[in-house]
Structure formats: structure tokens, C-alpha cells
Amino acid sequence: MTTGLPDKDEVLNAIREAAKTLGRPPSRAEFKSSSGMSEYQVLKHFPSWREAVRAAGLEPHSTNMPLDPGVLLEDWGQFVRRVRRIPTRDQYRREGTYSPGVFEKKFGPWSSIPGHFRSFAESKSEWADVVALIPIEVARAPFVVSTPSQSTSPSVTVPSTQRYPKLENRSTYGNPIDFRGLRHEPVNEEGVVFLFGMVARELGYLVEVLQAGYPDCEAKRQVEPGKWQRVRIEFEYESRNFRDHGYSPDGCDIIVCWRHNWQDCPTKLEVVELKSVIQTLASDEE
């Protein structure tokens, strides 16, 4: 979990203020730019960005309504035209109009979207500038239609009582999570560092340095529009390892861990439990 988050009313008021300034409901990117709040701070109170906008009394783009494939491809093409390159799934999710999941239900894997767009646009002169930005080899990526049976989640669930003997000289892994490019849960501090790097931007952090000494990391985070503040971060697999390692809370502001299990954690220390964070972020990617 994360302490020091804006409360629900603060999030709603920030959405309304952004809408008042724009004259319409804000996009995620517009909201983050105007409010200084991160996506995670919103999703801590609401199941999705769209639900947050609705709770503020506004009507977001409806991605639940059937969308013509051409509408989706045109939006993707306009995005490419604006940024002058093919967007990653995460970049489009943060700054695009629709959820990447809507594209994937229509066309298959995100990697196949450039090819679908080229087939859609190459005979239309108004898209010539965008088609020119899509390398032929990228456009030839195989079009794979996604079906439930192709899920990367394990197809067999082993009963919790089932245990097999551990083989010698063989690596062990955490439980499967399939979070973006990470197949398994972290099992050590190094895994926590890697996972934090994957989501730091969404949590509102800019990492300045990783170091061998205590604390592990220095970063900055936005405290209000146009103003950032330095914070000191210590990575631990479990939060109580901070205590067990004998660290002084005076030298650290935030513990980033996989599991928060330190009941007597000093109130001056914020704790970011990545296990909870990725559950929140993953639910908004559906």
C-alpha cells in the first residue's frame, strides 16, 4: 500500500477543475499534466480512469460501445502522426484515446497493429505520411487473432496442498503474474528494483540514481503542478527487512517492497507495496 495519497474527494475535485479549464472531460495525460497526480493515485480510489471521470459527474469516451475498426485505426494513426513514431502499448495506454485492450480484442496482439493500419491506410493518400513511418518489416508482423485459449496465464492450477520435491541446481520462481513483460512475482530485492523501474513513471517518480549504499535510490516526485521534490528510497523484498537490516528511518523517506508486513512501521516512512500496485494497474489495462 502507499501512504500520503490524495483522498477520493481531492481526486474528483482535480478532475472537475481540469474539465472546467479544458471545457470537456480531460484525457489521462491532460489530467496528470494539470493536477500533478499520478495515474496510480487515481486508481487507488477507482477501478479505472473512466470510472473516476464518471464519479466526477462527467462522461468519458465510451470504450464499452462497439467501435468500428476504422475508428480505432484512425485514432492510432493520428497518434503516430503526432509523436512521429510507432507507440508502445504503455505509451498509447497513457496518452491515447482508447484502451489498448479494445485494439487487442479487435485485431490481436499490440505488435500487429502497425500491419493492420498499413492494410487499412496504404491506399488512402491522406495517410501517406503515417504509412511512411511504419517499416515494412514491422507491418509484416503476423496477424494473430487473440482468443481466451491463448492467455499466457497458467492453464493448470496446482492445488495448494500439492508439493513436489525441489530439484538440485535448478532455479525457482515466484508465482505467475504475467504483468506486462514480467512472468513471475519477485522473489528477492533485485526483482523489486526491476518491477519498480517498470511502474515508476506511473507512480509519479523520476529516478535520479541507484546506488550500492543506503538508501538504494534517490528520486523526485511531483508535489504540485510545476514543482518536484527529492525523496530517498530503500528497496526491500519485505518491508520488515528494513528493520532487520538495522537501517535508521532518518535516512529514508520511502520503502518500496513486494510485500508490506511490518505492522509497527514508523509513521514517518511511506511504504509502496508493489504487490498491491500492480493489481491496481493491471485491472485498468483490461
Protein backbone atom coordinates (compact mmCIF):
# COMPACT_ATOMS: atom_id res chain seq x y z
CA MET A 1 0.00 0.00 0.00
CA THR A 2 1.04 3.66 -0.30
CA THR A 3 0.55 6.29 2.36
CA GLY A 4 0.32 10.03 1.72
CA LEU A 5 -2.06 9.69 -1.26
CA PRO A 6 -4.66 12.34 -2.14
CA ASP A 7 -8.08 11.29 -0.90
CA LYS A 8 -11.03 10.48 -3.12
CA ASP A 9 -12.56 13.96 -2.97
CA GLU A 10 -9.25 15.58 -3.90
CA VAL A 11 -9.03 13.37 -6.99
CA LEU A 12 -12.60 14.17 -8.03
CA ASN A 13 -12.11 17.90 -7.50
CA ALA A 14 -8.93 17.80 -9.59
CA ILE A 15 -10.79 16.06 -12.45
CA ARG A 16 -13.57 18.65 -12.31
CA GLU A 17 -11.08 21.52 -12.26
CA ALA A 18 -9.27 20.10 -15.29
CA ALA A 19 -12.59 19.70 -17.12
CA LYS A 20 -13.55 23.29 -16.28
CA THR A 21 -10.26 24.56 -17.72
CA LEU A 22 -10.50 22.44 -20.89
CA GLY A 23 -14.23 22.80 -21.43
CA ARG A 24 -14.55 19.00 -21.65
CA PRO A 25 -13.55 15.86 -19.71
CA PRO A 26 -9.74 15.59 -19.59
CA SER A 27 -7.73 12.72 -21.01
CA ARG A 28 -5.41 10.87 -18.63
CA ALA A 29 -2.39 12.76 -19.94
CA GLU A 30 -4.15 16.13 -19.65
CA PHE A 31 -5.25 15.35 -16.10
CA LYS A 32 -1.76 14.32 -15.00
CA SER A 33 -0.26 17.43 -16.55
CA SER A 34 -2.73 19.83 -14.92
CA SER A 35 -3.09 18.18 -11.50
CA GLY A 36 0.35 16.74 -10.80
CA MET A 37 -1.35 13.50 -9.68
CA SER A 38 -0.11 10.16 -10.97
CA GLU A 39 -2.30 7.53 -12.58
CA TYR A 40 -1.81 5.25 -9.58
CA GLN A 41 -3.12 7.92 -7.21
CA VAL A 42 -6.37 7.92 -9.18
CA LEU A 43 -6.62 4.13 -9.49
CA LYS A 44 -6.16 3.71 -5.75
CA HIS A 45 -9.69 5.09 -5.33
CA PHE A 46 -11.38 3.99 -8.56
CA PRO A 47 -11.31 0.76 -10.63
CA SER A 48 -10.45 2.64 -13.83
CA TRP A 49 -9.86 6.12 -15.22
CA ARG A 50 -13.27 6.07 -16.88
CA GLU A 51 -14.98 5.30 -13.58
CA ALA A 52 -13.13 8.19 -11.94
CA VAL A 53 -14.36 10.58 -14.64
CA ARG A 54 -17.91 9.33 -14.21
CA ALA A 55 -17.69 9.73 -10.42
CA ALA A 56 -16.76 13.37 -11.04
CA GLY A 57 -20.08 13.80 -12.85
CA LEU A 58 -18.61 13.74 -16.35
CA GLU A 59 -18.97 11.37 -19.30
CA PRO A 60 -15.74 9.82 -20.64
CA HIS A 61 -15.21 8.23 -24.04
CA SER A 62 -17.27 5.03 -24.01
CA THR A 63 -14.99 2.14 -24.93
CA ASN A 64 -17.65 -0.39 -23.98
CA MET A 65 -19.72 0.54 -27.03
CA PRO A 66 -18.90 -1.39 -30.21
CA LEU A 67 -16.33 0.60 -32.16
CA ASP A 68 -15.75 0.41 -35.89
CA PRO A 69 -12.23 -0.94 -36.56
CA GLY A 70 -11.63 2.04 -38.83
CA VAL A 71 -12.27 4.45 -35.94
CA LEU A 72 -9.65 2.69 -33.84
CA LEU A 73 -7.08 2.58 -36.63
CA GLU A 74 -7.63 6.24 -37.46
CA ASP A 75 -7.02 7.17 -33.83
CA TRP A 76 -3.86 5.04 -33.75
CA GLY A 77 -2.70 6.70 -36.98
CA GLN A 78 -3.32 10.18 -35.58
CA PHE A 79 -1.28 9.23 -32.53
CA VAL A 80 1.61 8.06 -34.74
CA ARG A 81 1.38 11.29 -36.74
CA ARG A 82 1.63 13.34 -33.54
CA VAL A 83 4.59 11.52 -31.94
CA ARG A 84 6.29 10.61 -35.26
CA ARG A 85 6.91 7.00 -34.31
CA ILE A 86 5.10 3.74 -33.52
CA PRO A 87 3.91 3.93 -29.89
CA THR A 88 4.48 1.22 -27.34
CA ARG A 89 1.42 -0.29 -25.72
CA ASP A 90 2.17 1.56 -22.49
CA GLN A 91 2.64 4.90 -24.23
CA TYR A 92 -0.66 4.61 -26.07
CA ARG A 93 -2.41 3.45 -22.88
CA ARG A 94 -1.20 6.57 -21.08
CA GLU A 95 -1.78 9.11 -23.84
CA GLY A 96 -4.17 7.60 -26.40
CA THR A 97 -7.95 7.85 -26.66
CA TYR A 98 -8.90 4.20 -26.20
CA SER A 99 -7.68 1.30 -24.09
CA PRO A 100 -5.09 -0.96 -25.77
CA GLY A 101 -7.36 -3.84 -24.75
CA VAL A 102 -10.01 -2.56 -27.18
CA PHE A 103 -7.49 -2.80 -30.03
CA GLU A 104 -6.35 -6.26 -28.97
CA LYS A 105 -9.92 -7.57 -28.90
CA LYS A 106 -10.41 -6.33 -32.47
CA PHE A 107 -7.02 -7.06 -34.02
CA GLY A 108 -4.98 -9.37 -31.79
CA PRO A 109 -1.59 -8.60 -30.19
CA TRP A 110 -0.48 -4.99 -29.93
CA SER A 111 2.53 -5.79 -32.12
CA SER A 112 0.19 -6.50 -35.05
CA ILE A 113 -1.47 -3.06 -35.05
CA PRO A 114 1.08 -1.43 -37.44
CA GLY A 115 0.35 -4.10 -40.04
CA HIS A 116 -3.40 -3.69 -39.66
CA PHE A 117 -3.04 0.06 -40.02
CA ARG A 118 -0.90 -0.25 -43.16
CA SER A 119 -3.51 -2.53 -44.77
CA PHE A 120 -6.20 -0.02 -43.81
CA ALA A 121 -4.35 3.14 -44.88
CA GLU A 122 -1.90 2.41 -47.70
CA SER A 123 -4.49 3.12 -50.41
CA LYS A 124 -5.59 6.39 -48.75
CA SER A 125 -3.47 9.39 -49.70
CA GLU A 126 -4.35 11.28 -46.52
CA TRP A 127 -2.40 8.70 -44.50
CA ALA A 128 0.71 8.60 -46.70
CA ASP A 129 2.82 10.47 -44.12
CA VAL A 130 1.91 7.97 -41.39
CA VAL A 131 2.39 4.88 -43.58
CA ALA A 132 5.89 6.17 -44.35
CA LEU A 133 6.71 5.96 -40.63
CA ILE A 134 5.91 2.22 -40.46
CA PRO A 135 8.84 0.00 -41.53
CA ILE A 136 7.81 -2.80 -43.89
CA GLU A 137 9.24 -5.47 -41.58
CA VAL A 138 7.13 -4.15 -38.70
CA ALA A 139 4.00 -4.11 -40.84
CA ARG A 140 4.62 -7.74 -41.81
CA ALA A 141 4.37 -8.95 -38.21
CA PRO A 142 1.94 -11.90 -38.16
CA PHE A 143 -1.69 -11.08 -37.51
CA VAL A 144 -2.66 -13.32 -34.62
CA VAL A 145 -6.26 -13.26 -33.52
CA SER A 146 -6.44 -13.31 -29.75
CA THR A 147 -8.70 -15.88 -28.13
CA PRO A 148 -9.23 -16.80 -24.48
CA SER A 149 -7.32 -20.05 -25.01
CA GLN A 150 -4.19 -18.04 -25.91
CA SER A 151 -3.92 -16.45 -22.49
CA THR A 152 -0.44 -16.53 -21.02
CA SER A 153 -1.86 -17.43 -17.64
CA PRO A 154 -1.13 -20.97 -16.47
CA SER A 155 -3.68 -23.43 -17.86
CA VAL A 156 -3.38 -25.76 -14.89
CA THR A 157 -3.79 -24.65 -11.30
CA VAL A 158 -1.89 -26.88 -8.89
CA PRO A 159 -3.77 -27.41 -5.60
CA SER A 160 -2.13 -25.56 -2.73
CA THR A 161 -1.64 -28.87 -0.91
CA GLN A 162 0.35 -30.35 -3.80
CA ARG A 163 4.12 -30.21 -3.30
CA TYR A 164 6.86 -31.67 -5.46
CA PRO A 165 10.44 -32.31 -4.38
CA LYS A 166 12.81 -29.47 -5.19
CA LEU A 167 15.41 -30.38 -7.79
CA GLU A 168 19.03 -29.56 -7.05
CA ASN A 169 20.90 -26.99 -9.13
CA ARG A 170 17.67 -25.63 -10.60
CA SER A 171 16.27 -22.10 -10.32
CA THR A 172 12.99 -21.43 -8.52
CA TYR A 173 10.44 -18.75 -9.42
CA GLY A 174 7.68 -16.75 -7.78
CA ASN A 175 4.00 -17.26 -8.57
CA PRO A 176 2.99 -16.39 -12.17
CA ILE A 177 1.67 -12.84 -12.54
CA ASP A 178 2.06 -12.07 -16.28
CA PHE A 179 2.37 -8.35 -15.62
CA ARG A 180 3.49 -6.78 -18.88
CA GLY A 181 6.91 -8.35 -19.54
CA LEU A 182 7.34 -9.87 -16.08
CA ARG A 183 6.28 -13.52 -15.96
CA HIS A 184 6.66 -14.22 -12.22
CA GLU A 185 6.45 -12.42 -8.89
CA PRO A 186 9.73 -11.08 -7.47
CA VAL A 187 11.44 -13.41 -5.01
CA ASN A 188 14.17 -11.03 -3.87
CA GLU A 189 15.16 -7.38 -3.64
CA GLU A 190 16.56 -7.33 -7.19
CA GLY A 191 13.14 -8.29 -8.53
CA VAL A 192 11.59 -5.44 -6.55
CA VAL A 193 14.03 -2.96 -8.10
CA PHE A 194 13.22 -4.22 -11.61
CA LEU A 195 9.47 -4.06 -11.06
CA PHE A 196 9.64 -0.56 -9.58
CA GLY A 197 11.51 0.57 -12.68
CA MET A 198 8.61 -0.73 -14.80
CA VAL A 199 5.99 1.32 -12.96
CA ALA A 200 7.93 4.28 -11.51
CA ARG A 201 6.62 6.72 -14.10
CA GLU A 202 3.00 5.73 -13.47
CA LEU A 203 3.52 6.18 -9.74
CA GLY A 204 4.82 9.68 -10.37
CA TYR A 205 8.54 9.11 -9.72
CA LEU A 206 11.59 10.18 -11.72
CA VAL A 207 14.60 8.10 -10.68
CA GLU A 208 17.80 10.12 -10.29
CA VAL A 209 20.26 7.47 -9.13
CA LEU A 210 20.53 3.86 -7.94
CA GLN A 211 23.43 3.21 -5.58
CA ALA A 212 25.09 0.47 -3.54
CA GLY A 213 24.92 2.35 -0.23
CA TYR A 214 21.95 3.25 1.96
CA PRO A 215 19.47 4.37 0.76
CA ASP A 216 19.29 2.44 -2.50
CA CYS A 217 17.71 5.15 -4.62
CA GLU A 218 17.17 8.87 -4.96
CA ALA A 219 14.20 10.07 -6.98
CA LYS A 220 11.95 13.07 -7.48
CA ARG A 221 8.18 13.21 -7.45
CA GLN A 222 5.74 15.95 -8.34
CA VAL A 223 4.09 17.51 -5.29
CA GLU A 224 2.06 20.08 -7.23
CA PRO A 225 1.97 21.28 -10.84
CA GLY A 226 5.41 22.53 -11.81
CA LYS A 227 7.07 21.56 -8.52
CA TRP A 228 9.08 18.42 -7.74
CA GLN A 229 10.71 17.19 -4.55
CA ARG A 230 13.60 14.82 -3.86
CA VAL A 231 12.87 11.59 -1.96
CA ARG A 232 15.09 8.79 -0.65
CA ILE A 233 14.00 5.21 -1.34
CA GLU A 234 15.10 1.88 0.12
CA PHE A 235 14.17 -1.33 -1.71
CA GLU A 236 13.28 -4.45 0.28
CA TYR A 237 11.59 -7.71 -0.64
CA GLU A 238 9.50 -7.43 2.55
CA SER A 239 9.10 -4.14 4.40
CA ARG A 240 10.19 -5.52 7.78
CA ASN A 241 13.59 -6.37 6.27
CA PHE A 242 14.28 -2.64 6.66
CA ARG A 243 14.08 -3.12 10.43
CA ASP A 244 16.03 -6.38 10.35
CA HIS A 245 18.86 -4.73 8.42
CA GLY A 246 19.18 -2.12 11.17
CA TYR A 247 18.56 0.92 8.99
CA SER A 248 17.66 4.26 10.56
CA PRO A 249 14.35 5.76 9.39
CA ASP A 250 16.04 9.17 9.49
CA GLY A 251 17.95 8.33 6.30
CA CYS A 252 14.98 7.27 4.21
CA ASP A 253 11.57 8.57 3.13
CA ILE A 254 10.01 5.59 1.35
CA ILE A 255 10.27 1.80 1.48
CA VAL A 256 9.45 0.11 -1.84
CA CYS A 257 8.76 -3.60 -1.30
CA TRP A 258 6.90 -6.54 -2.76
CA ARG A 259 5.07 -7.32 0.48
CA HIS A 260 4.29 -4.92 3.33
CA ASN A 261 4.46 -6.99 6.53
CA TRP A 262 5.85 -4.53 9.09
CA GLN A 263 2.94 -3.72 11.37
CA ASP A 264 4.97 -1.35 13.56
CA CYS A 265 6.50 0.56 10.66
CA PRO A 266 7.24 4.16 11.76
CA THR A 267 4.59 6.57 10.52
CA LYS A 268 7.27 8.85 9.04
CA LEU A 269 8.12 6.14 6.48
CA GLU A 270 5.88 5.77 3.43
CA VAL A 271 5.50 2.23 2.13
CA VAL A 272 4.84 1.34 -1.52
CA GLU A 273 3.73 -2.30 -1.69
CA LEU A 274 4.24 -3.33 -5.33
CA LYS A 275 2.03 -6.39 -4.97
CA SER A 276 -0.94 -4.05 -4.47
CA VAL A 277 0.28 -1.55 -7.04
CA ILE A 278 0.39 -3.99 -9.96
CA GLN A 279 -3.03 -5.40 -9.09
CA THR A 280 -4.40 -1.88 -9.37
CA LEU A 281 -2.56 -1.04 -12.59
CA ALA A 282 -3.29 -4.39 -14.24
CA SER A 283 -7.03 -4.06 -13.58
CA ASP A 284 -7.09 -0.79 -15.53
CA GLU A 285 -5.42 -2.39 -18.57
CA GLU A 286 -8.23 -4.89 -19.20
